[in-house]
Structure formats: structure tokens, C-alpha cells
PDB file of N, CA and C in Angstrom:
ATOM      1  N   MET A   1     114.661 100.884  87.942  1.00  0.00           N
ATOM      2  CA  MET A   1     113.748 100.411  86.940  1.00  0.00           C
ATOM      3  C   MET A   1     112.723 101.576  86.692  1.00  0.00           C
ATOM      4  N   THR A   2     112.509 101.848  85.386  1.00  0.00           N
ATOM      5  CA  THR A   2     111.570 102.838  85.117  1.00  0.00           C
ATOM      6  C   THR A   2     110.389 102.250  84.338  1.00  0.00           C
ATOM      7  N   PHE A   3     109.271 102.843  84.438  1.00  0.00           N
ATOM      8  CA  PHE A   3     108.058 102.423  83.732  1.00  0.00           C
ATOM      9  C   PHE A   3     107.518 103.468  82.998  1.00  0.00           C
ATOM     10  N   ASN A   4     106.908 103.147  81.727  1.00  0.00           N
ATOM     11  CA  ASN A   4     106.114 104.135  81.045  1.00  0.00           C
ATOM     12  C   ASN A   4     104.726 103.975  81.433  1.00  0.00           C
ATOM     13  N   LEU A   5     104.125 105.040  82.047  1.00  0.00           N
ATOM     14  CA  LEU A   5     102.778 105.045  82.492  1.00  0.00           C
ATOM     15  C   LEU A   5     101.802 104.615  81.460  1.00  0.00           C
ATOM     16  N   ASP A   6     102.054 104.944  80.168  1.00  0.00           N
ATOM     17  CA  ASP A   6     101.027 104.598  79.076  1.00  0.00           C
ATOM     18  C   ASP A   6     101.044 103.081  78.924  1.00  0.00           C
ATOM     19  N   ASP A   7     102.212 102.521  79.055  1.00  0.00           N
ATOM     20  CA  ASP A   7     102.335 100.998  78.887  1.00  0.00           C
ATOM     21  C   ASP A   7     101.661 100.286  80.150  1.00  0.00           C
ATOM     22  N   VAL A   8     101.838 100.921  81.313  1.00  0.00           N
ATOM     23  CA  VAL A   8     101.177 100.314  82.423  1.00  0.00           C
ATOM     24  C   VAL A   8      99.630 100.349  82.397  1.00  0.00           C
ATOM     25  N   LEU A   9      99.143 101.560  81.926  1.00  0.00           N
ATOM     26  CA  LEU A   9      97.771 101.656  81.739  1.00  0.00           C
ATOM     27  C   LEU A   9      97.170 100.877  80.666  1.00  0.00           C
ATOM     28  N   GLU A  10      97.909 100.665  79.576  1.00  0.00           N
ATOM     29  CA  GLU A  10      97.481  99.766  78.485  1.00  0.00           C
ATOM     30  C   GLU A  10      97.454  98.370  78.956  1.00  0.00           C
ATOM     31  N   PHE A  11      98.333  97.903  79.761  1.00  0.00           N
ATOM     32  CA  PHE A  11      98.429  96.502  80.328  1.00  0.00           C
ATOM     33  C   PHE A  11      97.196  96.382  81.284  1.00  0.00           C
ATOM     34  N   ASP A  12      96.915  97.335  82.069  1.00  0.00           N
ATOM     35  CA  ASP A  12      95.880  97.261  83.102  1.00  0.00           C
ATOM     36  C   ASP A  12      94.507  97.140  82.367  1.00  0.00           C
ATOM     37  N   ASP A  13      94.330  98.038  81.285  1.00  0.00           N
ATOM     38  CA  ASP A  13      93.098  97.872  80.509  1.00  0.00           C
ATOM     39  C   ASP A  13      92.836  96.447  79.922  1.00  0.00           C
ATOM     40  N   SER A  14      93.932  95.842  79.345  1.00  0.00           N
ATOM     41  CA  SER A  14      93.698  94.590  78.814  1.00  0.00           C
ATOM     42  C   SER A  14      93.383  93.544  79.792  1.00  0.00           C
ATOM     43  N   MET A  15      94.039  93.676  81.012  1.00  0.00           N
ATOM     44  CA  MET A  15      93.878  92.764  82.103  1.00  0.00           C
ATOM     45  C   MET A  15      92.434  93.016  82.588  1.00  0.00           C
ATOM     46  N   HIS A  16      91.895  94.171  82.651  1.00  0.00           N
ATOM     47  CA  HIS A  16      90.562  94.411  83.208  1.00  0.00           C
ATOM     48  C   HIS A  16      89.596  93.810  82.149  1.00  0.00           C
ATOM     49  N   GLU A  17      89.805  93.887  80.916  1.00  0.00           N
ATOM     50  CA  GLU A  17      88.947  93.248  79.920  1.00  0.00           C
ATOM     51  C   GLU A  17      88.834  91.735  80.088  1.00  0.00           C
ATOM     52  N   ASP A  18      89.967  91.138  80.358  1.00  0.00           N
ATOM     53  CA  ASP A  18      90.004  89.696  80.671  1.00  0.00           C
ATOM     54  C   ASP A  18      89.239  89.393  81.955  1.00  0.00           C
ATOM     55  N   PHE A  19      89.485  90.199  82.885  1.00  0.00           N
ATOM     56  CA  PHE A  19      88.757  89.960  84.255  1.00  0.00           C
ATOM     57  C   PHE A  19      87.254  90.087  84.026  1.00  0.00           C
ATOM     58  N   GLU A  20      86.789  91.044  83.265  1.00  0.00           N
ATOM     59  CA  GLU A  20      85.378  91.204  83.021  1.00  0.00           C
ATOM     60  C   GLU A  20      84.771  89.969  82.346  1.00  0.00           C
ATOM     61  N   ARG A  21      85.426  89.464  81.365  1.00  0.00           N
ATOM     62  CA  ARG A  21      84.945  88.235  80.731  1.00  0.00           C
ATOM     63  C   ARG A  21      84.895  87.104  81.701  1.00  0.00           C
ATOM     64  N   ILE A  22      85.867  86.935  82.569  1.00  0.00           N
ATOM     65  CA  ILE A  22      85.893  85.830  83.615  1.00  0.00           C
ATOM     66  C   ILE A  22      84.752  86.058  84.659  1.00  0.00           C
ATOM     67  N   GLY A  23      84.577  87.420  85.033  1.00  0.00           N
ATOM     68  CA  GLY A  23      83.550  87.762  85.863  1.00  0.00           C
ATOM     69  C   GLY A  23      82.217  87.450  85.455  1.00  0.00           C
ATOM     70  N   ASP A  24      81.944  87.597  84.179  1.00  0.00           N
ATOM     71  CA  ASP A  24      80.629  87.381  83.582  1.00  0.00           C
ATOM     72  C   ASP A  24      80.396  85.854  83.694  1.00  0.00           C
ATOM     73  N   LEU A  25      81.357  85.015  83.524  1.00  0.00           N
ATOM     74  CA  LEU A  25      81.173  83.597  83.743  1.00  0.00           C
ATOM     75  C   LEU A  25      80.999  83.088  85.190  1.00  0.00           C
ATOM     76  N   PHE A  26      81.629  83.969  86.036  1.00  0.00           N
ATOM     77  CA  PHE A  26      81.686  83.664  87.507  1.00  0.00           C
ATOM     78  C   PHE A  26      80.399  83.913  88.251  1.00  0.00           C
ATOM     79  N   MET A  27      79.723  85.028  87.796  1.00  0.00           N
ATOM     80  CA  MET A  27      78.591  85.466  88.520  1.00  0.00           C
ATOM     81  C   MET A  27      77.478  84.502  88.712  1.00  0.00           C
ATOM     82  N   PRO A  28      77.109  83.576  87.639  1.00  0.00           N
ATOM     83  CA  PRO A  28      76.064  82.527  87.809  1.00  0.00           C
ATOM     84  C   PRO A  28      76.616  81.597  88.888  1.00  0.00           C
ATOM     85  N   VAL A  29      77.822  81.287  89.014  1.00  0.00           N
ATOM     86  CA  VAL A  29      78.362  80.429  89.956  1.00  0.00           C
ATOM     87  C   VAL A  29      78.193  81.121  91.314  1.00  0.00           C
ATOM     88  N   LEU A  30      78.573  82.310  91.453  1.00  0.00           N
ATOM     89  CA  LEU A  30      78.331  82.973  92.787  1.00  0.00           C
ATOM     90  C   LEU A  30      77.027  82.926  93.263  1.00  0.00           C
ATOM     91  N   VAL A  31      76.008  83.204  92.375  1.00  0.00           N
ATOM     92  CA  VAL A  31      74.615  83.159  92.867  1.00  0.00           C
ATOM     93  C   VAL A  31      74.232  81.851  93.498  1.00  0.00           C
ATOM     94  N   LYS A  32      74.813  80.737  93.049  1.00  0.00           N
ATOM     95  CA  LYS A  32      74.450  79.422  93.551  1.00  0.00           C
ATOM     96  C   LYS A  32      75.395  78.998  94.699  1.00  0.00           C
ATOM     97  N   SER A  33      76.367  79.825  95.137  1.00  0.00           N
ATOM     98  CA  SER A  33      77.374  79.401  95.921  1.00  0.00           C
ATOM     99  C   SER A  33      76.755  79.172  97.413  1.00  0.00           C
ATOM    100  N   GLU A  34      77.371  78.178  98.047  1.00  0.00           N
ATOM    101  CA  GLU A  34      77.066  77.796  99.490  1.00  0.00           C
ATOM    102  C   GLU A  34      77.619  78.850 100.508  1.00  0.00           C
ATOM    103  N   PHE A  35      78.510  79.793  99.905  1.00  0.00           N
ATOM    104  CA  PHE A  35      79.185  80.711 100.823  1.00  0.00           C
ATOM    105  C   PHE A  35      79.158  82.019 100.341  1.00  0.00           C
ATOM    106  N   PRO A  36      77.794  82.640 100.275  1.00  0.00           N
ATOM    107  CA  PRO A  36      77.613  83.926  99.729  1.00  0.00           C
ATOM    108  C   PRO A  36      78.285  85.008 100.493  1.00  0.00           C
ATOM    109  N   VAL A  37      78.333  85.052 101.841  1.00  0.00           N
ATOM    110  CA  VAL A  37      78.896  86.076 102.559  1.00  0.00           C
ATOM    111  C   VAL A  37      80.415  86.113 102.329  1.00  0.00           C
ATOM    112  N   THR A  38      81.040  85.116 102.404  1.00  0.00           N
ATOM    113  CA  THR A  38      82.521  85.029 102.048  1.00  0.00           C
ATOM    114  C   THR A  38      82.798  85.487 100.610  1.00  0.00           C
ATOM    115  N   MET A  39      82.002  85.030  99.709  1.00  0.00           N
ATOM    116  CA  MET A  39      82.276  85.406  98.199  1.00  0.00           C
ATOM    117  C   MET A  39      82.019  86.981  98.160  1.00  0.00           C
ATOM    118  N   GLN A  40      81.022  87.505  98.740  1.00  0.00           N
ATOM    119  CA  GLN A  40      80.680  88.906  98.741  1.00  0.00           C
ATOM    120  C   GLN A  40      81.878  89.660  99.370  1.00  0.00           C
ATOM    121  N   SER A  41      82.329  89.191 100.398  1.00  0.00           N
ATOM    122  CA  SER A  41      83.539  89.848 101.056  1.00  0.00           C
ATOM    123  C   SER A  41      84.685  89.926 100.112  1.00  0.00           C
ATOM    124  N   LEU A  42      85.024  88.716  99.524  1.00  0.00           N
ATOM    125  CA  LEU A  42      86.143  88.750  98.562  1.00  0.00           C
ATOM    126  C   LEU A  42      85.992  89.703  97.445  1.00  0.00           C
ATOM    127  N   ILE A  43      84.773  89.678  96.880  1.00  0.00           N
ATOM    128  CA  ILE A  43      84.490  90.537  95.718  1.00  0.00           C
ATOM    129  C   ILE A  43      84.544  92.019  96.139  1.00  0.00           C
ATOM    130  N   GLY A  44      84.006  92.357  97.347  1.00  0.00           N
ATOM    131  CA  GLY A  44      84.010  93.698  97.812  1.00  0.00           C
ATOM    132  C   GLY A  44      85.517  94.165  98.027  1.00  0.00           C
ATOM    133  N   LEU A  45      86.386  93.219  98.479  1.00  0.00           N
ATOM    134  CA  LEU A  45      87.758  93.598  98.626  1.00  0.00           C
ATOM    135  C   LEU A  45      88.450  93.788  97.279  1.00  0.00           C
ATOM    136  N   MET A  46      88.031  92.998  96.301  1.00  0.00           N
ATOM    137  CA  MET A  46      88.631  93.206  94.963  1.00  0.00           C
ATOM    138  C   MET A  46      88.131  94.557  94.436  1.00  0.00           C
ATOM    139  N   ALA A  47      86.922  94.957  94.705  1.00  0.00           N
ATOM    140  CA  ALA A  47      86.479  96.254  94.172  1.00  0.00           C
ATOM    141  C   ALA A  47      87.294  97.395  94.882  1.00  0.00           C
ATOM    142  N   SER A  48      87.498  97.334  96.179  1.00  0.00           N
ATOM    143  CA  SER A  48      88.213  98.317  96.867  1.00  0.00           C
ATOM    144  C   SER A  48      89.692  98.450  96.372  1.00  0.00           C
ATOM    145  N   ILE A  49      90.212  97.215  96.168  1.00  0.00           N
ATOM    146  CA  ILE A  49      91.551  97.220  95.572  1.00  0.00           C
ATOM    147  C   ILE A  49      91.629  97.942  94.283  1.00  0.00           C
ATOM    148  N   ASN A  50      90.692  97.734  93.401  1.00  0.00           N
ATOM    149  CA  ASN A  50      90.572  98.295  92.158  1.00  0.00           C
ATOM    150  C   ASN A  50      90.457  99.788  92.144  1.00  0.00           C
ATOM    151  N   SER A  51      89.596 100.268  93.078  1.00  0.00           N
ATOM    152  CA  SER A  51      89.288 101.702  93.270  1.00  0.00           C
ATOM    153  C   SER A  51      90.604 102.467  93.679  1.00  0.00           C
ATOM    154  N   ILE A  52      91.339 101.855  94.671  1.00  0.00           N
ATOM    155  CA  ILE A  52      92.600 102.424  95.151  1.00  0.00           C
ATOM    156  C   ILE A  52      93.623 102.458  93.985  1.00  0.00           C
ATOM    157  N   LYS A  53      93.679 101.367  93.209  1.00  0.00           N
ATOM    158  CA  LYS A  53      94.637 101.296  92.041  1.00  0.00           C
ATOM    159  C   LYS A  53      94.283 102.396  91.089  1.00  0.00           C
ATOM    160  N   LEU A  54      92.987 102.639  90.738  1.00  0.00           N
ATOM    161  CA  LEU A  54      92.581 103.759  89.818  1.00  0.00           C
ATOM    162  C   LEU A  54      93.004 105.158  90.492  1.00  0.00           C
ATOM    163  N   GLY A  55      92.869 105.253  91.751  1.00  0.00           N
ATOM    164  CA  GLY A  55      93.333 106.557  92.401  1.00  0.00           C
ATOM    165  C   GLY A  55      94.798 106.866  92.152  1.00  0.00           C
ATOM    166  N   ILE A  56      95.614 105.688  92.375  1.00  0.00           N
ATOM    167  CA  ILE A  56      97.021 105.766  92.089  1.00  0.00           C
ATOM    168  C   ILE A  56      97.313 106.304  90.626  1.00  0.00           C
ATOM    169  N   TYR A  57      96.604 105.669  89.835  1.00  0.00           N
ATOM    170  CA  TYR A  57      96.842 105.909  88.371  1.00  0.00           C
ATOM    171  C   TYR A  57      96.454 107.385  88.064  1.00  0.00           C
ATOM    172  N   ASP A  58      95.339 107.851  88.615  1.00  0.00           N
ATOM    173  CA  ASP A  58      94.878 109.274  88.362  1.00  0.00           C
ATOM    174  C   ASP A  58      95.983 110.193  88.941  1.00  0.00           C
ATOM    175  N   LEU A  59      96.566 109.977  90.181  1.00  0.00           N
ATOM    176  CA  LEU A  59      97.608 110.852  90.751  1.00  0.00           C
ATOM    177  C   LEU A  59      98.834 110.743  89.791  1.00  0.00           C
ATOM    178  N   ALA A  60      99.191 109.612  89.330  1.00  0.00           N
ATOM    179  CA  ALA A  60     100.338 109.494  88.490  1.00  0.00           C
ATOM    180  C   ALA A  60     100.193 110.123  87.237  1.00  0.00           C
ATOM    181  N   GLU A  61      99.040 110.137  86.693  1.00  0.00           N
ATOM    182  CA  GLU A  61      98.783 110.838  85.405  1.00  0.00           C
ATOM    183  C   GLU A  61      98.842 112.290  85.563  1.00  0.00           C
ATOM    184  N   LYS A  62      98.394 112.902  86.601  1.00  0.00           N
ATOM    185  CA  LYS A  62      98.282 114.329  86.826  1.00  0.00           C
ATOM    186  C   LYS A  62      99.599 115.006  86.965  1.00  0.00           C
ATOM    187  N   CYS A  63     100.456 114.385  87.880  1.00  0.00           N
ATOM    188  CA  CYS A  63     101.644 115.057  88.167  1.00  0.00           C
ATOM    189  C   CYS A  63     102.676 114.060  88.813  1.00  0.00           C
ATOM    190  N   ASP A  64     103.954 114.212  88.527  1.00  0.00           N
ATOM    191  CA  ASP A  64     104.928 113.332  89.117  1.00  0.00           C
ATOM    192  C   ASP A  64     105.335 113.880  90.570  1.00  0.00           C
ATOM    193  N   THR A  65     104.763 114.848  91.065  1.00  0.00           N
ATOM    194  CA  THR A  65     105.062 115.362  92.427  1.00  0.00           C
ATOM    195  C   THR A  65     104.224 114.885  93.423  1.00  0.00           C
ATOM    196  N   HIS A  66     103.228 113.990  93.181  1.00  0.00           N
ATOM    197  CA  HIS A  66     102.227 113.462  94.134  1.00  0.00           C
ATOM    198  C   HIS A  66     102.704 112.279  94.802  1.00  0.00           C
ATOM    199  N   LEU A  67     104.046 112.110  95.034  1.00  0.00           N
ATOM    200  CA  LEU A  67     104.577 110.946  95.737  1.00  0.00           C
ATOM    201  C   LEU A  67     104.079 110.534  96.917  1.00  0.00           C
ATOM    202  N   TYR A  68     103.833 111.472  97.859  1.00  0.00           N
ATOM    203  CA  TYR A  68     103.369 111.142  99.222  1.00  0.00           C
ATOM    204  C   TYR A  68     101.959 110.541  99.124  1.00  0.00           C
ATOM    205  N   PRO A  69     100.888 111.128  98.542  1.00  0.00           N
ATOM    206  CA  PRO A  69      99.642 110.500  98.451  1.00  0.00           C
ATOM    207  C   PRO A  69      99.650 109.177  97.753  1.00  0.00           C
ATOM    208  N   VAL A  70     100.587 108.997  96.772  1.00  0.00           N
ATOM    209  CA  VAL A  70     100.620 107.792  95.986  1.00  0.00           C
ATOM    210  C   VAL A  70     101.207 106.714  96.949  1.00  0.00           C
ATOM    211  N   LYS A  71     102.199 107.031  97.790  1.00  0.00           N
ATOM    212  CA  LYS A  71     102.745 106.141  98.758  1.00  0.00           C
ATOM    213  C   LYS A  71     101.698 105.658  99.789  1.00  0.00           C
ATOM    214  N   ILE A  72     100.762 106.624 100.207  1.00  0.00           N
ATOM    215  CA  ILE A  72      99.753 106.316 101.165  1.00  0.00           C
ATOM    216  C   ILE A  72      98.617 105.341 100.512  1.00  0.00           C
ATOM    217  N   LEU A  73      98.354 105.668  99.332  1.00  0.00           N
ATOM    218  CA  LEU A  73      97.363 104.733  98.548  1.00  0.00           C
ATOM    219  C   LEU A  73      98.004 103.411  98.323  1.00  0.00           C
ATOM    220  N   HIS A  74      99.353 103.405  98.083  1.00  0.00           N
ATOM    221  CA  HIS A  74      99.966 102.107  97.862  1.00  0.00           C
ATOM    222  C   HIS A  74      99.988 101.328  99.133  1.00  0.00           C
ATOM    223  N   ARG A  75     100.239 101.966 100.238  1.00  0.00           N
ATOM    224  CA  ARG A  75     100.126 101.083 101.477  1.00  0.00           C
ATOM    225  C   ARG A  75      98.637 100.637 101.779  1.00  0.00           C
ATOM    226  N   THR A  76      97.647 101.481 101.430  1.00  0.00           N
ATOM    227  CA  THR A  76      96.309 101.055 101.667  1.00  0.00           C
ATOM    228  C   THR A  76      96.039  99.932 100.690  1.00  0.00           C
ATOM    229  N   LEU A  77      96.452  99.963  99.458  1.00  0.00           N
ATOM    230  CA  LEU A  77      96.333  98.912  98.526  1.00  0.00           C
ATOM    231  C   LEU A  77      96.880  97.571  99.032  1.00  0.00           C
ATOM    232  N   LEU A  78      98.060  97.650  99.612  1.00  0.00           N
ATOM    233  CA  LEU A  78      98.700  96.501 100.107  1.00  0.00           C
ATOM    234  C   LEU A  78      97.962  95.855 101.370  1.00  0.00           C
ATOM    235  N   GLU A  79      97.343  96.804 102.163  1.00  0.00           N
ATOM    236  CA  GLU A  79      96.524  96.303 103.276  1.00  0.00           C
ATOM    237  C   GLU A  79      95.251  95.565 102.821  1.00  0.00           C
ATOM    238  N   GLN A  80      94.722  96.171 101.784  1.00  0.00           N
ATOM    239  CA  GLN A  80      93.489  95.442 101.251  1.00  0.00           C
ATOM    240  C   GLN A  80      93.783  94.152 100.651  1.00  0.00           C
ATOM    241  N   PHE A  81      94.931  94.077  99.935  1.00  0.00           N
ATOM    242  CA  PHE A  81      95.356  92.853  99.274  1.00  0.00           C
ATOM    243  C   PHE A  81      95.619  91.812 100.377  1.00  0.00           C
ATOM    244  N   LEU A  82      96.282  92.263 101.420  1.00  0.00           N
ATOM    245  CA  LEU A  82      96.481  91.304 102.549  1.00  0.00           C
ATOM    246  C   LEU A  82      95.241  90.704 103.233  1.00  0.00           C
ATOM    247  N   ARG A  83      94.313  91.575 103.316  1.00  0.00           N
ATOM    248  CA  ARG A  83      92.939  91.216 103.930  1.00  0.00           C
ATOM    249  C   ARG A  83      92.384  90.120 102.883  1.00  0.00           C
ATOM    250  N   PHE A  84      92.417  90.433 101.699  1.00  0.00           N
ATOM    251  CA  PHE A  84      91.869  89.512 100.697  1.00  0.00           C
ATOM    252  C   PHE A  84      92.589  88.147 100.758  1.00  0.00           C
ATOM    253  N   GLU A  85      93.912  88.191 100.757  1.00  0.00           N
ATOM    254  CA  GLU A  85      94.706  86.963 100.804  1.00  0.00           C
ATOM    255  C   GLU A  85      94.408  86.237 102.103  1.00  0.00           C
ATOM    256  N   TYR A  86      94.307  86.871 103.239  1.00  0.00           N
ATOM    257  CA  TYR A  86      93.953  86.196 104.486  1.00  0.00           C
ATOM    258  C   TYR A  86      92.688  85.463 104.335  1.00  0.00           C
ATOM    259  N   LEU A  87      91.571  86.218 103.927  1.00  0.00           N
ATOM    260  CA  LEU A  87      90.331  85.686 103.783  1.00  0.00           C
ATOM    261  C   LEU A  87      90.258  84.438 102.889  1.00  0.00           C
ATOM    262  N   PHE A  88      90.952  84.701 101.745  1.00  0.00           N
ATOM    263  CA  PHE A  88      90.907  83.576 100.750  1.00  0.00           C
ATOM    264  C   PHE A  88      91.675  82.325 101.313  1.00  0.00           C
ATOM    265  N   GLN A  89      92.798  82.544 101.926  1.00  0.00           N
ATOM    266  CA  GLN A  89      93.544  81.404 102.340  1.00  0.00           C
ATOM    267  C   GLN A  89      92.740  80.701 103.474  1.00  0.00           C
ATOM    268  N   ARG A  90      92.103  81.514 104.397  1.00  0.00           N
ATOM    269  CA  ARG A  90      91.382  80.755 105.454  1.00  0.00           C
ATOM    270  C   ARG A  90      90.172  79.987 104.889  1.00  0.00           C
ATOM    271  N   PHE A  91      89.525  80.664 103.850  1.00  0.00           N
ATOM    272  CA  PHE A  91      88.447  79.942 103.263  1.00  0.00           C
ATOM    273  C   PHE A  91      88.939  78.740 102.582  1.00  0.00           C
ATOM    274  N   MET A  92      90.088  78.710 101.880  1.00  0.00           N
ATOM    275  CA  MET A  92      90.526  77.512 101.218  1.00  0.00           C
ATOM    276  C   MET A  92      90.926  76.402 102.248  1.00  0.00           C
ATOM    277  N   ASP A  93      91.430  76.891 103.507  1.00  0.00           N
ATOM    278  CA  ASP A  93      91.821  75.827 104.401  1.00  0.00           C
ATOM    279  C   ASP A  93      90.546  75.343 105.164  1.00  0.00           C
ATOM    280  N   GLU A  94      89.559  76.209 105.473  1.00  0.00           N
ATOM    281  CA  GLU A  94      88.467  75.797 106.281  1.00  0.00           C
ATOM    282  C   GLU A  94      87.265  75.355 105.482  1.00  0.00           C
ATOM    283  N   GLY A  95      87.096  75.896 104.314  1.00  0.00           N
ATOM    284  CA  GLY A  95      85.846  75.695 103.431  1.00  0.00           C
ATOM    285  C   GLY A  95      84.648  75.959 104.190  1.00  0.00           C
ATOM    286  N   SER A  96      84.619  77.064 104.895  1.00  0.00           N
ATOM    287  CA  SER A  96      83.506  77.340 105.713  1.00  0.00           C
ATOM    288  C   SER A  96      83.061  78.895 105.592  1.00  0.00           C
ATOM    289  N   GLU A  97      81.758  79.113 105.712  1.00  0.00           N
ATOM    290  CA  GLU A  97      81.176  80.410 105.601  1.00  0.00           C
ATOM    291  C   GLU A  97      81.570  81.267 106.789  1.00  0.00           C
ATOM    292  N   ASN A  98      82.048  80.600 107.872  1.00  0.00           N
ATOM    293  CA  ASN A  98      82.446  81.382 109.017  1.00  0.00           C
ATOM    294  C   ASN A  98      83.473  82.464 108.768  1.00  0.00           C
ATOM    295  N   VAL A  99      84.283  82.242 107.795  1.00  0.00           N
ATOM    296  CA  VAL A  99      85.382  83.241 107.466  1.00  0.00           C
ATOM    297  C   VAL A  99      84.783  84.558 107.093  1.00  0.00           C
ATOM    298  N   GLY A 100      83.793  84.465 106.152  1.00  0.00           N
ATOM    299  CA  GLY A 100      83.121  85.739 105.756  1.00  0.00           C
ATOM    300  C   GLY A 100      82.363  86.319 106.815  1.00  0.00           C
ATOM    301  N   ILE A 101      81.661  85.490 107.605  1.00  0.00           N
ATOM    302  CA  ILE A 101      80.811  86.048 108.701  1.00  0.00           C
ATOM    303  C   ILE A 101      81.711  86.810 109.701  1.00  0.00           C
ATOM    304  N   GLU A 102      82.803  86.257 110.113  1.00  0.00           N
ATOM    305  CA  GLU A 102      83.678  86.833 110.970  1.00  0.00           C
ATOM    306  C   GLU A 102      84.236  88.102 110.360  1.00  0.00           C
ATOM    307  N   TYR A 103      84.587  88.132 109.166  1.00  0.00           N
ATOM    308  CA  TYR A 103      85.125  89.337 108.494  1.00  0.00           C
ATOM    309  C   TYR A 103      84.070  90.489 108.514  1.00  0.00           C
ATOM    310  N   ARG A 104      82.839  90.113 108.263  1.00  0.00           N
ATOM    311  CA  ARG A 104      81.802  91.089 108.233  1.00  0.00           C
ATOM    312  C   ARG A 104      81.535  91.739 109.575  1.00  0.00           C
ATOM    313  N   LYS A 105      81.809  91.059 110.682  1.00  0.00           N
ATOM    314  CA  LYS A 105      81.578  91.614 111.986  1.00  0.00           C
ATOM    315  C   LYS A 105      82.610  92.520 112.288  1.00  0.00           C
TER     316      LYS A 105
END
């Protein structure tokens, strides 16, 4: 399977615009949240994931011979995603701020 990088970047840009609109609606809810530490942890992980993704895109745009660094960043991206998934699932199961507090420690 092959991908056109321009198509991937265009899709990512449109997805980012949608995410920004949702984020603007979500921020007032976050401010009033009973779980600020957990929410900040989840948002921080999303920011980390986005930064890693942008690094992968930068390498892919510059040259197609940067496969090793791209693979390293991809693994890091997956690790951050799994952290996010773990925190989110635990929070959904427990409904407690303890999840975010443990993660911060």
C-alpha cells in the first residue's frame, strides 16, 4: 500500500481544524472539571503525540531515506498513544482523580 504524502498532510490539516473547533468547546468544560489533573495529563499526552506526529511528517517531507528515525518516532508515538489509552480507560473505569495523580508521580 502506498500513500501520497500530500494527501496525508491535507487530511491531517482538515482533522486538526476539526479538533481545534471541538477543543474550543471543550476548554470551558475542562476548567470546571472535577478531575483537573487527569484531564491535564490526557491533554498533555495528546500534545506530545501531535508533536511526534509533526516530527514524522517533517522527516518524511525532507527525504525518503530517513526511515530509521521515522521508525524510532513511530515507536515513541505508539508508546505515547498507549499511555493515553491506559489513562483514559482507567479513568473511565474508576471515574477518579487518582489516575491522573498516579500518572503525574
